[in-house]
Amino acid sequence: MKKNSAFYFLIYYGFEQTVIESQVLTPVSRLKNEGLKITLIFMESFPKWVSFIFGGKDRQRFNTIKNSPITVFPRIPKNFLLLNSILIFLSLIPDLLTKKTLVFQARGFQGTDVLLKLKRMSRKIKVICDVRGLESAEYEFFVNKHFSFRGFLQKIWLNQLKMIERKAIFYADRFFCVSRYLIAKLKESANNPDFECLYTPCAVEVEKYSQALTQRDLMRKKLGVDGKMVILYSGAIGRWHLTDKVIQLFKWILDFEPNAFFLGLTPSAEKLTEMLRESLVPEKAYKILLVAFPEIPEYLAAADIGLLLRKKDPLNLYSFPTKFGEYLAAGLHVVTTDAIFDVREIIQTEKAGTILSNLDDPLLCVQDLKNAVNSAQQVSDRISISTGAAAKYLSWDLLIPQIKKTYQELAQ
């Protein structure tokens, strides 16, 4: 089977550092250890592709990829004249001539659509649609937020995205899906209650976090937070991350827990530091760092509470933030909003966090935060509950065998 098959992973939207390292490179590496060698195909915006070709800073992002063959193409907007499909097809000719089956996993609906064009050219090509969200809904959200009205071209592209999603649902060979709520939406769109989709939430390497927890006390001393209640935020800022609310919650905690300390891990360290200063948070009460992906477990394990805030809207309802699994695997008590279906279900079932009653009600928030701090202070119990939830729901050890089985079935 292996000799007669070739395996590929199409990352249509390019190399998004943190997401790609944790949700693409990690499973690809694990699958290689299971005997499946996967070639990565990245499609980058034209400026980033040029930077990659000529050894610019965008090439450096790919240095983290070890022992996996990669191909990088320029991404033509909206697959104009099928140019993205043609570029990939030309690169596949050697394998099309010598292999029985070519199995692709495509991240997102647009990537899947590019490959479905190839599937029409050759029956050898099999496509796994890896659904991370509804791109039509995300585009509509973007347009409504940034434009006072929807223009003619925007309406055309929105309808095209909906068509792309419908075609993928009916013509892809298999489906991976990031959340249970999104699986329900796909079944509804397919008008088929028996529609099959492998649940693949944003998973973590639980064993790495378990190792980091053995160094928790040393890391806390290194950070100068020994004896403090460390409130952590990890990830990007702005957009839907409610960074202003993150800071406000910390200030409320600081009012009743003077020993609280804010630890921020973000690629936008300068911006977050500026926001904390503008919010009059004492400089001695926070530390903001830019941390490389391999070091994240050690820093997360040094904290007590992880903040994960989202507004309650359809986009967030079906999302699955990578940081949720990381927080749990690091033994943190997760403080979140009632906005993300899967997160809410896991927290309510496993008692691994606190769901804020109302983010806009200071009195209710403060009471919820007091309860969260009390739970987080029970360190050994809290770590046991959260790491247990991570191992039960979000470990790559659970997902890799199922993903491998899907690849193998398509390669037969």
Foldseek 3Di string as FASTA:
>chain_A
DQQQEAEEEEEEEFCPQQCCVQPPLVLQVVVVVVVHAYEYEYAYAPVLVVCCVVVHPSVVSCVVRPPHHYHYHHHDPPCVVLVVLVVVVVVCVVSVVRHQAYEYEYEDLSRQLSVVVVCVVDVRYAYEDEHQFQVLVVLVVVCVVPDVDQDPVNVVVSVVSVVSLLCCLPPHPAYEYAFPVVVVVSCVSVVHPPRDYHYAHSFGALVLLVVLLVCQQVLCVVVVLVPAQEEEEEEEDDDFQPLVLVLVLQVLCCVVGVRYAYEYEYPPQVVSVVSNVVVVPDPVRYDYYHDRNSCVSNVLLNHQEYEGEGDADPRQQRHHDNVLLSNLSSLHAYEYEPHYNVSVVLCVVLVLYFHQPDSPDVVSSSVSVVVRSVVSVVPVVSNVSSNVSSVVPRHVVVVSVVVSVVVVVSSD
